[in-house]
C-alpha atoms as a PDB file:
ATOM      1  CA  MET A   1      33.817  87.690 159.996  1.00  0.00           C
ATOM      2  CA  VAL A   2      33.386  84.064 160.868  1.00  0.00           C
ATOM      3  CA  ALA A   3      34.647  81.584 158.336  1.00  0.00           C
ATOM      4  CA  PHE A   4      32.087  79.026 157.233  1.00  0.00           C
ATOM      5  CA  ARG A   5      32.231  75.461 155.965  1.00  0.00           C
ATOM      6  CA  ALA A   6      30.177  74.316 153.004  1.00  0.00           C
ATOM      7  CA  VAL A   7      29.515  71.036 151.247  1.00  0.00           C
ATOM      8  CA  LEU A   8      29.477  71.328 147.466  1.00  0.00           C
ATOM      9  CA  HIS A   9      28.636  68.748 144.803  1.00  0.00           C
ATOM     10  CA  LEU A  10      29.628  69.605 141.221  1.00  0.00           C
ATOM     11  CA  GLN A  11      28.775  67.463 138.202  1.00  0.00           C
ATOM     12  CA  THR A  12      29.364  69.915 135.353  1.00  0.00           C
ATOM     13  CA  LEU A  13      32.308  70.633 133.082  1.00  0.00           C
ATOM     14  CA  PRO A  14      35.326  72.293 134.710  1.00  0.00           C
ATOM     15  CA  ILE A  15      34.269  75.765 135.856  1.00  0.00           C
ATOM     16  CA  ARG A  16      35.940  78.958 136.905  1.00  0.00           C
ATOM     17  CA  VAL A  17      35.055  80.423 140.308  1.00  0.00           C
ATOM     18  CA  SER A  18      35.786  83.822 141.770  1.00  0.00           C
ATOM     19  CA  SER A  19      34.676  85.070 145.154  1.00  0.00           C
ATOM     20  CA  THR A  20      35.229  87.851 147.635  1.00  0.00           C
ATOM     21  CA  ARG A  21      36.976  87.450 150.953  1.00  0.00           C
ATOM     22  CA  PRO A  22      36.766  86.368 153.710  1.00  0.00           C
ATOM     23  CA  ALA A  23      34.460  83.644 152.425  1.00  0.00           C
ATOM     24  CA  SER A  24      35.892  81.570 149.530  1.00  0.00           C
ATOM     25  CA  LEU A  25      34.318  78.902 147.387  1.00  0.00           C
ATOM     26  CA  PHE A  26      36.361  76.066 145.940  1.00  0.00           C
ATOM     27  CA  LEU A  27      34.768  73.778 143.347  1.00  0.00           C
ATOM     28  CA  HIS A  28      36.392  70.566 142.138  1.00  0.00           C
ATOM     29  CA  THR A  29      34.957  68.416 139.350  1.00  0.00           C
ATOM     30  CA  HIS A  30      33.122  65.338 140.628  1.00  0.00           C
ATOM     31  CA  ARG A  31      34.245  65.866 144.244  1.00  0.00           C
ATOM     32  CA  TYR A  32      32.689  66.976 147.509  1.00  0.00           C
ATOM     33  CA  CYS A  33      34.776  69.557 149.318  1.00  0.00           C
ATOM     34  CA  LEU A  34      34.732  71.044 152.777  1.00  0.00           C
ATOM     35  CA  LEU A  35      36.246  74.488 152.710  1.00  0.00           C
ATOM     36  CA  ASN A  36      36.885  77.341 155.053  1.00  0.00           C
ATOM     37  CA  THR A  37      39.292  80.229 154.775  1.00  0.00           C
ATOM     38  CA  ARG A  38      42.045  78.281 156.542  1.00  0.00           C
ATOM     39  CA  SER A  39      41.628  74.637 155.600  1.00  0.00           C
ATOM     40  CA  LEU A  40      40.586  72.371 152.720  1.00  0.00           C
ATOM     41  CA  SER A  41      39.667  68.702 152.911  1.00  0.00           C
ATOM     42  CA  PHE A  42      38.047  66.151 150.569  1.00  0.00           C
ATOM     43  CA  VAL A  43      35.103  64.339 152.166  1.00  0.00           C
ATOM     44  CA  SER A  44      34.029  61.809 149.554  1.00  0.00           C
ATOM     45  CA  SER A  45      34.299  60.889 145.889  1.00  0.00           C
ATOM     46  CA  SER A  46      30.931  59.113 145.769  1.00  0.00           C
ATOM     47  CA  PRO A  47      27.456  60.668 145.492  1.00  0.00           C
ATOM     48  CA  LEU A  48      26.217  62.218 148.717  1.00  0.00           C
ATOM     49  CA  SER A  49      22.615  63.174 149.536  1.00  0.00           C
ATOM     50  CA  LEU A  50      21.928  65.860 152.123  1.00  0.00           C
ATOM     51  CA  PRO A  51      18.549  66.542 153.708  1.00  0.00           C
ATOM     52  CA  PRO A  52      17.139  70.023 153.075  1.00  0.00           C
ATOM     53  CA  SER A  53      17.480  70.849 156.751  1.00  0.00           C
ATOM     54  CA  SER A  54      21.237  70.341 156.643  1.00  0.00           C
ATOM     55  CA  GLU A  55      21.833  73.120 154.093  1.00  0.00           C
ATOM     56  CA  PRO A  56      24.071  75.742 155.735  1.00  0.00           C
ATOM     57  CA  ALA A  57      22.181  78.827 156.776  1.00  0.00           C
ATOM     58  CA  ALA A  58      24.734  80.968 155.037  1.00  0.00           C
ATOM     59  CA  PHE A  59      23.363  79.796 151.652  1.00  0.00           C
ATOM     60  CA  SER A  60      19.738  80.540 152.461  1.00  0.00           C
ATOM     61  CA  ASN A  61      19.886  83.978 153.990  1.00  0.00           C
ATOM     62  CA  GLY A  62      20.806  85.666 150.712  1.00  0.00           C
ATOM     63  CA  ASN A  63      23.427  87.849 152.399  1.00  0.00           C
ATOM     64  CA  LEU A  64      26.561  85.852 151.592  1.00  0.00           C
ATOM     65  CA  PRO A  65      29.047  88.051 149.683  1.00  0.00           C
ATOM     66  CA  PHE A  66      30.118  85.919 146.742  1.00  0.00           C
ATOM     67  CA  ARG A  67      30.193  86.442 143.001  1.00  0.00           C
ATOM     68  CA  LYS A  68      28.432  84.647 140.195  1.00  0.00           C
ATOM     69  CA  ILE A  69      29.730  81.215 139.147  1.00  0.00           C
ATOM     70  CA  SER A  70      29.808  80.652 135.391  1.00  0.00           C
ATOM     71  CA  THR A  71      30.614  77.534 133.402  1.00  0.00           C
ATOM     72  CA  PHE A  72      32.717  77.350 130.226  1.00  0.00           C
ATOM     73  CA  HIS A  73      33.899  74.668 127.840  1.00  0.00           C
ATOM     74  CA  PRO A  74      37.583  73.822 128.128  1.00  0.00           C
ATOM     75  CA  VAL A  75      39.841  75.257 125.413  1.00  0.00           C
ATOM     76  CA  CYS A  76      42.186  72.561 124.092  1.00  0.00           C
ATOM     77  CA  MET A  77      45.352  74.153 122.664  1.00  0.00           C
ATOM     78  CA  GLY A  78      47.876  71.466 123.522  1.00  0.00           C
ATOM     79  CA  ARG A  79      47.871  69.457 120.273  1.00  0.00           C
ATOM     80  CA  ARG A  80      48.058  72.451 117.936  1.00  0.00           C
ATOM     81  CA  SER A  81      50.731  74.159 120.036  1.00  0.00           C
ATOM     82  CA  SER A  82      52.714  70.926 120.078  1.00  0.00           C
ATOM     83  CA  LYS A  83      52.494  70.599 116.282  1.00  0.00           C
ATOM     84  CA  ILE A  84      53.658  74.197 115.733  1.00  0.00           C
ATOM     85  CA  ALA A  85      56.546  73.730 118.158  1.00  0.00           C
ATOM     86  CA  GLY A  86      57.459  70.465 116.459  1.00  0.00           C
ATOM     87  CA  ARG A  87      57.453  72.124 113.024  1.00  0.00           C
ATOM     88  CA  LYS A  88      59.688  74.946 114.210  1.00  0.00           C
ATOM     89  CA  GLU A  89      62.028  72.477 115.862  1.00  0.00           C
ATOM     90  CA  ALA A  90      62.255  70.445 112.658  1.00  0.00           C
ATOM     91  CA  GLN A  91      62.914  73.566 110.576  1.00  0.00           C
ATOM     92  CA  ASN A  92      65.640  74.704 112.965  1.00  0.00           C
ATOM     93  CA  ALA A  93      67.222  71.247 112.916  1.00  0.00           C
ATOM     94  CA  LYS A  94      67.209  71.265 109.113  1.00  0.00           C
ATOM     95  CA  LYS A  95      68.948  74.643 109.041  1.00  0.00           C
ATOM     96  CA  ALA A  96      71.483  73.504 111.627  1.00  0.00           C
ATOM     97  CA  LYS A  97      72.330  70.462 109.482  1.00  0.00           C
ATOM     98  CA  LEU A  98      72.782  72.665 106.418  1.00  0.00           C
ATOM     99  CA  TYR A  99      75.060  75.113 108.249  1.00  0.00           C
ATOM    100  CA  SER A 100      77.066  72.255 109.763  1.00  0.00           C
ATOM    101  CA  ARG A 101      77.531  70.588 106.392  1.00  0.00           C
ATOM    102  CA  MET A 102      78.632  73.794 104.681  1.00  0.00           C
ATOM    103  CA  GLY A 103      81.016  74.530 107.562  1.00  0.00           C
ATOM    104  CA  LYS A 104      82.664  71.136 107.129  1.00  0.00           C
ATOM    105  CA  GLU A 105      83.031  71.701 103.375  1.00  0.00           C
ATOM    106  CA  VAL A 106      84.659  75.067 104.010  1.00  0.00           C
ATOM    107  CA  VAL A 107      87.131  73.538 106.492  1.00  0.00           C
ATOM    108  CA  SER A 108      88.070  70.756 104.063  1.00  0.00           C
ATOM    109  CA  ALA A 109      88.529  73.173 101.164  1.00  0.00           C
ATOM    110  CA  VAL A 110      90.770  75.475 103.218  1.00  0.00           C
ATOM    111  CA  LYS A 111      92.811  72.499 104.438  1.00  0.00           C
ATOM    112  CA  LYS A 112      93.431  71.406 100.853  1.00  0.00           C
ATOM    113  CA  GLY A 113      94.012  74.747  99.109  1.00  0.00           C
ATOM    114  CA  GLY A 114      94.355  77.519 101.683  1.00  0.00           C
ATOM    115  CA  PRO A 115      92.058  80.411 102.671  1.00  0.00           C
ATOM    116  CA  ASN A 116      92.661  82.547  99.578  1.00  0.00           C
ATOM    117  CA  VAL A 117      89.596  82.390  97.318  1.00  0.00           C
ATOM    118  CA  THR A 118      91.561  83.552  94.266  1.00  0.00           C
ATOM    119  CA  SER A 119      94.040  80.679  94.431  1.00  0.00           C
ATOM    120  CA  ASN A 120      91.598  78.081  95.791  1.00  0.00           C
ATOM    121  CA  PRO A 121      88.857  77.320  93.215  1.00  0.00           C
ATOM    122  CA  MET A 122      87.350  74.638  95.468  1.00  0.00           C
ATOM    123  CA  LEU A 123      86.770  77.199  98.237  1.00  0.00           C
ATOM    124  CA  ALA A 124      85.395  79.700  95.713  1.00  0.00           C
ATOM    125  CA  ALA A 125      82.841  77.135  94.501  1.00  0.00           C
ATOM    126  CA  ILE A 126      81.777  76.322  98.067  1.00  0.00           C
ATOM    127  CA  LEU A 127      81.352  80.002  98.936  1.00  0.00           C
ATOM    128  CA  GLU A 128      79.171  80.438  95.854  1.00  0.00           C
ATOM    129  CA  LYS A 129      77.038  77.472  96.919  1.00  0.00           C
ATOM    130  CA  ALA A 130      76.786  78.874 100.465  1.00  0.00           C
ATOM    131  CA  LYS A 131      75.491  82.134  99.031  1.00  0.00           C
ATOM    132  CA  GLU A 132      72.922  80.281  96.920  1.00  0.00           C
ATOM    133  CA  LEU A 133      71.713  78.362  99.996  1.00  0.00           C
ATOM    134  CA  ASP A 134      71.496  81.516 102.171  1.00  0.00           C
ATOM    135  CA  VAL A 135      74.141  80.350 104.637  1.00  0.00           C
ATOM    136  CA  PRO A 136      75.045  83.297 106.926  1.00  0.00           C
ATOM    137  CA  LYS A 137      78.368  84.931 106.118  1.00  0.00           C
ATOM    138  CA  ASP A 138      79.617  84.710 109.720  1.00  0.00           C
ATOM    139  CA  ILE A 139      79.322  80.899 109.644  1.00  0.00           C
ATOM    140  CA  VAL A 140      81.504  80.744 106.526  1.00  0.00           C
ATOM    141  CA  GLU A 141      84.095  83.140 107.989  1.00  0.00           C
ATOM    142  CA  ARG A 142      84.157  81.286 111.317  1.00  0.00           C
ATOM    143  CA  ASN A 143      84.920  77.980 109.584  1.00  0.00           C
ATOM    144  CA  ILE A 144      87.647  79.520 107.399  1.00  0.00           C
ATOM    145  CA  LYS A 145      89.333  80.641 110.603  1.00  0.00           C
ATOM    146  CA  ARG A 146      88.674  77.301 112.285  1.00  0.00           C
ATOM    147  CA  ALA A 147      90.431  75.428 109.465  1.00  0.00           C
ATOM    148  CA  SER A 148      93.697  77.163 110.388  1.00  0.00           C
ATOM    149  CA  GLU A 149      93.538  76.154 114.050  1.00  0.00           C
ATOM    150  CA  LYS A 150      96.058  73.645 115.334  1.00  0.00           C
ATOM    151  CA  GLY A 151      94.692  70.113 115.596  1.00  0.00           C
ATOM    152  CA  GLN A 152      91.756  70.679 113.243  1.00  0.00           C
ATOM    153  CA  GLU A 153      91.714  67.869 110.693  1.00  0.00           C
ATOM    154  CA  ALA A 154      90.085  67.881 107.285  1.00  0.00           C
ATOM    155  CA  TYR A 155      86.642  66.318 107.059  1.00  0.00           C
ATOM    156  CA  ILE A 156      86.173  63.058 105.184  1.00  0.00           C
ATOM    157  CA  GLU A 157      82.902  62.215 103.449  1.00  0.00           C
ATOM    158  CA  LYS A 158      81.574  58.707 103.977  1.00  0.00           C
ATOM    159  CA  VAL A 159      78.407  56.859 102.960  1.00  0.00           C
ATOM    160  CA  TYR A 160      76.813  54.071 105.013  1.00  0.00           C
ATOM    161  CA  GLU A 161      73.974  51.832 103.880  1.00  0.00           C
ATOM    162  CA  VAL A 162      71.223  50.550 106.169  1.00  0.00           C
ATOM    163  CA  TYR A 163      68.236  48.214 106.021  1.00  0.00           C
ATOM    164  CA  GLY A 164      65.138  49.366 107.900  1.00  0.00           C
ATOM    165  CA  TYR A 165      61.769  47.714 108.493  1.00  0.00           C
ATOM    166  CA  GLY A 166      59.520  46.306 105.771  1.00  0.00           C
ATOM    167  CA  GLY A 167      62.314  45.952 103.193  1.00  0.00           C
ATOM    168  CA  VAL A 168      63.108  49.681 103.264  1.00  0.00           C
ATOM    169  CA  SER A 169      66.637  50.846 102.410  1.00  0.00           C
ATOM    170  CA  MET A 170      68.458  53.923 103.710  1.00  0.00           C
ATOM    171  CA  VAL A 171      71.583  55.830 102.722  1.00  0.00           C
ATOM    172  CA  VAL A 172      73.399  57.754 105.464  1.00  0.00           C
ATOM    173  CA  GLU A 173      75.737  60.563 104.364  1.00  0.00           C
ATOM    174  CA  VAL A 174      78.483  61.532 106.813  1.00  0.00           C
ATOM    175  CA  SER A 175      81.188  64.207 107.028  1.00  0.00           C
ATOM    176  CA  THR A 176      83.604  63.491 109.838  1.00  0.00           C
ATOM    177  CA  ASP A 177      87.092  64.229 111.104  1.00  0.00           C
ATOM    178  CA  LYS A 178      87.031  60.961 113.102  1.00  0.00           C
ATOM    179  CA  VAL A 179      85.855  58.034 110.962  1.00  0.00           C
ATOM    180  CA  HIS A 180      86.015  55.412 113.722  1.00  0.00           C
ATOM    181  CA  ARG A 181      83.884  57.579 115.994  1.00  0.00           C
ATOM    182  CA  SER A 182      81.181  58.179 113.393  1.00  0.00           C
ATOM    183  CA  VAL A 183      80.834  54.560 112.243  1.00  0.00           C
ATOM    184  CA  ALA A 184      80.672  53.327 115.856  1.00  0.00           C
ATOM    185  CA  LYS A 185      77.842  55.732 116.682  1.00  0.00           C
ATOM    186  CA  ILE A 186      75.915  54.876 113.514  1.00  0.00           C
ATOM    187  CA  ARG A 187      76.193  51.147 114.206  1.00  0.00           C
ATOM    188  CA  GLU A 188      74.979  51.720 117.759  1.00  0.00           C
ATOM    189  CA  VAL A 189      71.900  53.668 116.651  1.00  0.00           C
ATOM    190  CA  VAL A 190      71.017  51.166 113.911  1.00  0.00           C
ATOM    191  CA  LYS A 191      71.317  48.246 116.339  1.00  0.00           C
ATOM    192  CA  ASP A 192      69.277  49.977 119.078  1.00  0.00           C
ATOM    193  CA  CYS A 193      66.491  50.819 116.617  1.00  0.00           C
ATOM    194  CA  GLY A 194      66.308  47.311 115.180  1.00  0.00           C
ATOM    195  CA  GLY A 195      67.846  48.071 111.776  1.00  0.00           C
ATOM    196  CA  LYS A 196      70.773  46.375 110.058  1.00  0.00           C
ATOM    197  CA  MET A 197      73.966  47.683 108.455  1.00  0.00           C
ATOM    198  CA  ALA A 198      74.130  46.780 104.746  1.00  0.00           C
ATOM    199  CA  ASP A 199      77.155  45.919 102.650  1.00  0.00           C
ATOM    200  CA  SER A 200      78.687  48.672 100.539  1.00  0.00           C
ATOM    201  CA  GLY A 201      76.893  49.021  97.209  1.00  0.00           C
ATOM    202  CA  SER A 202      73.859  46.945  98.188  1.00  0.00           C
ATOM    203  CA  VAL A 203      71.609  50.015  98.635  1.00  0.00           C
ATOM    204  CA  THR A 204      73.063  53.038  96.817  1.00  0.00           C
ATOM    205  CA  PHE A 205      72.204  51.682  93.349  1.00  0.00           C
ATOM    206  CA  LYS A 206      68.529  52.172  94.259  1.00  0.00           C
ATOM    207  CA  PHE A 207      68.978  55.976  94.362  1.00  0.00           C
ATOM    208  CA  ARG A 208      69.989  58.748  91.985  1.00  0.00           C
ATOM    209  CA  ARG A 209      71.584  62.113  92.817  1.00  0.00           C
ATOM    210  CA  VAL A 210      69.615  65.229  91.831  1.00  0.00           C
ATOM    211  CA  ARG A 211      69.038  68.867  92.773  1.00  0.00           C
ATOM    212  CA  VAL A 212      65.758  69.489  94.578  1.00  0.00           C
ATOM    213  CA  VAL A 213      63.650  72.520  95.520  1.00  0.00           C
ATOM    214  CA  ASN A 214      61.091  72.049  98.309  1.00  0.00           C
ATOM    215  CA  ILE A 215      57.824  74.049  98.285  1.00  0.00           C
ATOM    216  CA  LYS A 216      55.087  73.855 100.930  1.00  0.00           C
ATOM    217  CA  VAL A 217      51.728  72.714  99.578  1.00  0.00           C
ATOM    218  CA  THR A 218      50.224  75.848 101.145  1.00  0.00           C
ATOM    219  CA  ASP A 219      52.455  78.122  99.037  1.00  0.00           C
ATOM    220  CA  ALA A 220      51.630  76.824  95.540  1.00  0.00           C
ATOM    221  CA  ASP A 221      49.469  74.297  93.678  1.00  0.00           C
ATOM    222  CA  LYS A 222      50.847  71.469  91.579  1.00  0.00           C
ATOM    223  CA  ASP A 223      49.690  72.865  88.219  1.00  0.00           C
ATOM    224  CA  GLN A 224      51.563  76.104  88.886  1.00  0.00           C
ATOM    225  CA  LEU A 225      54.720  74.177  89.827  1.00  0.00           C
ATOM    226  CA  LEU A 226      54.426  71.924  86.771  1.00  0.00           C
ATOM    227  CA  SER A 227      54.329  74.995  84.551  1.00  0.00           C
ATOM    228  CA  ILE A 228      57.441  76.436  86.229  1.00  0.00           C
ATOM    229  CA  ALA A 229      59.239  73.088  86.024  1.00  0.00           C
ATOM    230  CA  LEU A 230      58.436  72.754  82.320  1.00  0.00           C
ATOM    231  CA  ASP A 231      59.718  76.260  81.528  1.00  0.00           C
ATOM    232  CA  ALA A 232      62.925  75.678  83.515  1.00  0.00           C
ATOM    233  CA  GLY A 233      63.614  72.254  82.018  1.00  0.00           C
ATOM    234  CA  ALA A 234      63.178  70.430  85.343  1.00  0.00           C
ATOM    235  CA  GLU A 235      62.809  66.655  85.468  1.00  0.00           C
ATOM    236  CA  ASP A 236      59.673  66.259  87.600  1.00  0.00           C
ATOM    237  CA  VAL A 237      57.397  67.563  90.366  1.00  0.00           C
ATOM    238  CA  ILE A 238      56.935  65.006  93.140  1.00  0.00           C
ATOM    239  CA  GLU A 239      53.818  64.836  95.302  1.00  0.00           C
ATOM    240  CA  PRO A 240      54.419  65.104  99.071  1.00  0.00           C
ATOM    241  CA  SER A 241      54.403  62.024 101.277  1.00  0.00           C
ATOM    242  CA  THR A 242      51.485  61.845 103.701  1.00  0.00           C
ATOM    243  CA  TYR A 243      51.897  60.780 107.311  1.00  0.00           C
ATOM    244  CA  GLU A 244      48.960  60.387 109.691  1.00  0.00           C
ATOM    245  CA  ASP A 245      49.882  63.342 111.923  1.00  0.00           C
ATOM    246  CA  ASP A 246      51.037  65.676 109.141  1.00  0.00           C
ATOM    247  CA  THR A 247      49.219  68.914 108.435  1.00  0.00           C
ATOM    248  CA  GLU A 248      49.528  70.898 105.207  1.00  0.00           C
ATOM    249  CA  GLU A 249      52.329  72.900 106.861  1.00  0.00           C
ATOM    250  CA  ASP A 250      54.379  69.679 107.081  1.00  0.00           C
ATOM    251  CA  ARG A 251      53.968  68.662 103.437  1.00  0.00           C
ATOM    252  CA  TYR A 252      56.199  69.706 100.534  1.00  0.00           C
ATOM    253  CA  TYR A 253      56.244  69.392  96.769  1.00  0.00           C
ATOM    254  CA  LYS A 254      59.667  68.641  95.292  1.00  0.00           C
ATOM    255  CA  ILE A 255      60.801  70.076  91.976  1.00  0.00           C
ATOM    256  CA  VAL A 256      63.514  67.770  90.686  1.00  0.00           C
ATOM    257  CA  GLY A 257      66.251  69.261  88.551  1.00  0.00           C
ATOM    258  CA  SER A 258      69.969  69.115  87.858  1.00  0.00           C
ATOM    259  CA  SER A 259      72.985  71.317  88.466  1.00  0.00           C
ATOM    260  CA  ASP A 260      72.513  72.757  84.970  1.00  0.00           C
ATOM    261  CA  ASN A 261      68.962  74.082  85.472  1.00  0.00           C
ATOM    262  CA  TYR A 262      68.811  74.538  89.254  1.00  0.00           C
ATOM    263  CA  ALA A 263      69.529  78.288  89.188  1.00  0.00           C
ATOM    264  CA  THR A 264      66.822  78.735  86.530  1.00  0.00           C
ATOM    265  CA  ILE A 265      64.253  76.903  88.690  1.00  0.00           C
ATOM    266  CA  LEU A 266      65.030  79.125  91.684  1.00  0.00           C
ATOM    267  CA  SER A 267      64.845  82.261  89.517  1.00  0.00           C
ATOM    268  CA  LYS A 268      61.401  81.366  88.130  1.00  0.00           C
ATOM    269  CA  LEU A 269      60.064  80.602  91.623  1.00  0.00           C
ATOM    270  CA  ARG A 270      61.249  84.030  92.794  1.00  0.00           C
ATOM    271  CA  GLU A 271      59.564  85.667  89.776  1.00  0.00           C
ATOM    272  CA  GLU A 272      56.264  84.019  90.762  1.00  0.00           C
ATOM    273  CA  GLY A 273      56.695  85.079  94.397  1.00  0.00           C
ATOM    274  CA  ILE A 274      56.672  81.478  95.644  1.00  0.00           C
ATOM    275  CA  ASN A 275      58.519  80.675  98.858  1.00  0.00           C
ATOM    276  CA  PHE A 276      60.849  77.684  98.675  1.00  0.00           C
ATOM    277  CA  GLU A 277      63.565  75.800 100.520  1.00  0.00           C
ATOM    278  CA  PRO A 278      66.688  74.811  98.537  1.00  0.00           C
ATOM    279  CA  ASP A 279      68.486  71.510  99.013  1.00  0.00           C
ATOM    280  CA  ASN A 280      71.867  71.115 100.738  1.00  0.00           C
ATOM    281  CA  GLY A 281      73.724  71.031  97.432  1.00  0.00           C
ATOM    282  CA  SER A 282      72.134  67.803  96.197  1.00  0.00           C
ATOM    283  CA  GLU A 283      69.839  65.002  97.344  1.00  0.00           C
ATOM    284  CA  LEU A 284      69.344  61.314  96.701  1.00  0.00           C
ATOM    285  CA  LEU A 285      65.954  60.255  95.354  1.00  0.00           C
ATOM    286  CA  PRO A 286      64.832  56.610  95.139  1.00  0.00           C
ATOM    287  CA  ASN A 287      64.337  55.101  91.686  1.00  0.00           C
ATOM    288  CA  ALA A 288      61.288  53.304  93.111  1.00  0.00           C
ATOM    289  CA  THR A 289      59.488  53.563  96.457  1.00  0.00           C
ATOM    290  CA  ILE A 290      58.339  50.847  98.871  1.00  0.00           C
ATOM    291  CA  GLU A 291      55.002  50.971 100.677  1.00  0.00           C
ATOM    292  CA  VAL A 292      54.988  49.644 104.255  1.00  0.00           C
ATOM    293  CA  ASP A 293      52.424  49.330 107.053  1.00  0.00           C
ATOM    294  CA  ASP A 294      51.970  51.992 109.731  1.00  0.00           C
ATOM    295  CA  GLU A 295      54.114  50.210 112.311  1.00  0.00           C
ATOM    296  CA  ALA A 296      57.087  49.830 109.968  1.00  0.00           C
ATOM    297  CA  MET A 297      56.654  53.434 108.851  1.00  0.00           C
ATOM    298  CA  ASP A 298      56.852  54.716 112.429  1.00  0.00           C
ATOM    299  CA  LEU A 299      59.870  52.520 113.257  1.00  0.00           C
ATOM    300  CA  ASN A 300      61.744  53.668 110.142  1.00  0.00           C
ATOM    301  CA  LYS A 301      60.936  57.281 110.932  1.00  0.00           C
ATOM    302  CA  GLU A 302      62.346  56.833 114.443  1.00  0.00           C
ATOM    303  CA  LEU A 303      65.530  55.256 113.060  1.00  0.00           C
ATOM    304  CA  MET A 304      66.047  58.133 110.618  1.00  0.00           C
ATOM    305  CA  ASN A 305      65.476  60.753 113.308  1.00  0.00           C
ATOM    306  CA  LYS A 306      67.963  59.063 115.654  1.00  0.00           C
ATOM    307  CA  LEU A 307      70.590  58.974 112.899  1.00  0.00           C
ATOM    308  CA  LEU A 308      70.036  62.643 112.073  1.00  0.00           C
ATOM    309  CA  GLU A 309      70.663  63.554 115.713  1.00  0.00           C
ATOM    310  CA  LEU A 310      74.294  62.466 115.310  1.00  0.00           C
ATOM    311  CA  ASP A 311      76.634  65.414 114.675  1.00  0.00           C
ATOM    312  CA  ASP A 312      78.590  63.617 111.938  1.00  0.00           C
ATOM    313  CA  VAL A 313      75.477  62.688 109.929  1.00  0.00           C
ATOM    314  CA  ASP A 314      74.568  65.220 107.250  1.00  0.00           C
ATOM    315  CA  ALA A 315      71.594  63.484 105.614  1.00  0.00           C
ATOM    316  CA  VAL A 316      69.564  60.265 105.590  1.00  0.00           C
ATOM    317  CA  TYR A 317      67.666  59.133 102.481  1.00  0.00           C
ATOM    318  CA  THR A 318      65.109  56.341 102.202  1.00  0.00           C
ATOM    319  CA  ASP A 319      63.050  54.592  99.532  1.00  0.00           C
ATOM    320  CA  GLN A 320      60.036  54.348 101.853  1.00  0.00           C
ATOM    321  CA  LYS A 321      56.922  55.739 100.192  1.00  0.00           C
END
C-alpha cells in the first residue's frame, strides 16, 4: 500500500488514537501535523484554513482502513499519588528515627552495664520500652552486639536550642557518639535555613516533658478520645494542627499523659479497637503556642525537616501553632 500524508487540525482535549497499518494517524493538541508511515513533521502552530478541494482523496472515498477516534477527559492522579507517597515516606522516616534512637539507647546501656539483662537494670528498662514501642527484636539484638565492637563509643544525649521565624522556638534532641560532628552539622543547617542558635536555657523552659499517644482523626472522634483520656487519668486531648496541604490522613489527635498512666491509656485504646502511634519514650509539648503567617510557617517547617534529616538528631520540637 502507498503511504499517504494528511493535514490534521485538532482543537479538543487530549485524545487517544488507534489505527490500523499501514496508514497511521497522529493527532497532537493544537498542532498541525504531516504524517506518513515513515516520517513526521510539524507544519504550523497557527490556525490554517484549507480549501475543500485540497482535502486528500483518501479521506473522501470512505475506504481508508482506520478506527474510530474517541475523546476523553484527562485523569489527574499526580497530586493524590504524591500525597500518598509523601505520607508513607514520612511514616517510614518516623519509624527509622524511633529505631535509631532505641538502638543508641541500647548501645549506651550495654556500654555502661554490660549485655546481661539480669545484672543491667538500665538495659532491662530499655528492652521493656522497646517492646512497648513495637521495636523489632532484631534491631535490639543487633545493637547489643554492636555495643561490644571495638571502637564503638557510648552515645551522649545533647539538647540544642534554636530560634526560627516569627518568634518561634525549637528544641533539638540529639544522641551522638561524636559531639563536635553533631553540633557542627546542626549549626550549618540552622544557618543555611535562616534560623539562629539560642543560648542554653533560653528556650527549654517554654516546654514540658510528657508521654503522648498519637491517633489519626480518621480513626476516632474527639469525644471518644476524651472519654478514654478521662477514664485513664490522662492530662488532655490536643486538637491536630492544620496545614494548608494536609488531608485528614496527615492529622493526629494527641492524648497527653505521664509515665504513670501511659500503659493504661494504651490498654484502653486497644480495648476500643482504635489504632494509635506511641511516642518515642517521651515528647516535649509547648506551654503556649505561637501563631505565625504562612511564609514563616513554611520556613520553620523546612528548618525542622532539614534538622530531622541529620542522623544524630532524634527529635525536633517547636512552639509554633
